[in-house]
Protein backbone atom coordinates (compact mmCIF):
# COMPACT_ATOMS: atom_id res chain seq x y z
CA MET A 1 168.60 111.55 120.57
CA ARG A 2 166.06 113.92 121.79
CA GLU A 3 162.57 112.43 122.11
CA LYS A 4 160.02 114.15 119.77
CA PHE A 5 156.78 115.98 121.44
CA SER A 6 154.05 118.32 120.85
CA LEU A 7 154.40 121.77 121.94
CA PRO A 8 151.38 122.93 123.77
CA PHE A 9 150.40 126.52 123.49
CA ASP A 10 147.59 128.90 124.37
CA SER A 11 145.34 130.18 121.60
CA TRP A 12 146.72 133.73 122.44
CA PHE A 13 149.99 132.60 120.91
CA LEU A 14 148.32 131.09 117.71
CA SER A 15 149.52 133.06 114.58
CA PRO A 16 150.60 132.14 111.18
CA ASP A 17 154.02 133.38 112.30
CA PHE A 18 154.49 131.31 115.13
CA VAL A 19 153.17 128.19 113.39
CA SER A 20 155.74 128.88 110.80
CA HIS A 21 158.58 129.27 113.04
CA LEU A 22 157.55 125.97 114.42
CA LYS A 23 156.97 124.30 111.20
CA GLU A 24 160.50 125.40 110.08
CA ASN A 25 162.22 124.03 113.11
CA HIS A 26 160.20 120.61 112.60
CA GLN A 27 158.47 121.07 115.95
CA ASP A 28 154.81 119.61 116.32
CA TRP A 29 152.14 121.74 118.38
CA VAL A 30 148.89 121.55 119.85
CA SER A 31 146.95 124.36 120.75
CA LEU A 32 143.31 125.95 121.20
CA LEU A 33 141.31 127.20 118.08
CA LYS A 34 138.64 129.25 118.07
CA VAL A 35 135.80 128.18 115.77
CA ASN A 36 135.69 131.27 113.56
CA ARG A 37 139.29 130.57 112.28
CA ASN A 38 139.96 129.59 108.77
CA LEU A 39 142.15 126.96 107.99
CA GLU A 40 144.12 126.27 104.84
CA VAL A 41 142.89 122.75 103.62
CA TYR A 42 146.12 121.67 101.54
CA SER A 43 147.35 120.23 104.64
CA ILE A 44 144.41 118.75 105.83
CA ARG A 45 144.12 114.78 105.39
CA LEU A 46 140.65 113.65 106.48
CA LYS A 47 138.79 110.57 105.43
CA ASN A 48 135.02 110.10 105.59
CA ALA A 49 133.70 107.31 107.66
CA LYS A 50 134.13 105.21 104.43
CA GLY A 51 137.78 105.62 104.20
CA GLN A 52 137.56 107.94 101.36
CA ARG A 53 139.39 111.26 101.26
CA ILE A 54 137.28 114.19 101.80
CA GLN A 55 138.32 116.82 98.86
CA PHE A 56 137.43 120.54 99.44
CA SER A 57 136.20 122.77 97.01
CA LYS A 58 137.96 126.15 98.55
CA PRO A 59 141.46 126.84 99.70
CA GLN A 60 140.16 127.66 103.26
CA ILE A 61 137.30 126.39 105.54
CA LYS A 62 136.22 127.57 108.75
CA VAL A 63 136.99 125.29 111.85
CA GLU A 64 132.96 125.28 112.54
CA ASP A 65 132.50 124.17 109.03
CA LEU A 66 135.31 121.21 109.40
CA ALA A 67 134.58 119.87 112.72
CA PRO A 68 131.37 118.00 111.56
CA LEU A 69 133.28 116.45 108.77
CA ILE A 70 135.51 114.53 111.08
CA PRO A 71 133.76 111.36 111.98
CA PRO A 72 133.97 109.96 115.19
CA SER A 73 135.69 106.69 114.19
CA SER A 74 139.06 109.01 113.49
CA PHE A 75 139.48 109.93 117.18
CA GLN A 76 137.42 107.72 119.19
CA ALA A 77 139.97 104.84 119.67
CA LEU A 78 142.70 107.35 120.41
CA ILE A 79 140.90 109.17 122.94
CA GLU A 80 139.86 105.98 124.66
CA LYS A 81 143.34 105.12 124.70
CA LEU A 82 144.23 108.11 126.40
CA ILE A 83 141.52 108.11 129.03
CA LEU A 84 142.52 104.56 130.14
CA PHE A 85 146.35 105.56 130.18
CA ALA A 86 145.73 108.91 132.21
CA HIS A 87 143.29 106.74 134.83
CA ASP A 88 146.23 104.22 135.06
CA CYS A 89 148.54 106.89 135.71
CA LEU A 90 146.55 108.64 138.28
CA GLN A 91 145.79 105.08 140.36
CA GLN A 92 149.56 104.65 140.46
CA GLY A 93 149.79 107.81 142.40
CA GLU A 94 151.17 109.89 139.56
CA ILE A 95 150.81 113.72 140.15
CA THR A 96 148.29 115.38 137.76
CA ALA A 97 151.03 117.59 135.88
CA ASN A 98 153.35 114.53 135.17
CA VAL A 99 150.22 113.16 133.61
CA PHE A 100 149.72 115.55 131.38
CA SER A 101 153.36 115.39 130.37
CA LYS A 102 152.92 111.56 129.60
CA LEU A 103 149.80 112.01 127.83
CA PHE A 104 151.46 114.37 125.12
CA VAL A 105 154.49 111.56 124.67
CA LYS A 106 151.90 108.79 124.67
CA GLN A 107 149.50 110.98 121.83
CA ASN A 108 152.37 111.39 119.77
CA LYS A 109 153.54 107.86 119.83
CA GLU A 110 149.63 106.66 119.03
CA VAL A 111 149.28 109.10 116.34
CA ALA A 112 152.90 108.25 114.65
CA ALA A 113 151.87 104.62 114.73
């Protein structure tokens, strides 16, 4: 069985058609997103610092409006784990390109857990 990974790509390729193709093929992805882009809120599962689900009043939200709603507690622990993991890899002599590959695998495992 193939190990699942997130496909990283540049914001130049980020389009509804490309994302739909990835979704149809059950492919996770990671990309950069410009702050003036709108996101469909139906797929956003976000909880506030108290653990309550955030409800959206409109079907879309701008990235710049969404970012302040994400509590640091939702990503801080993951980022700390990934930084320590990357540091350990580099200390063991891994080359940077391998560390990035391993980080994507580690990220997927941590998020899925």
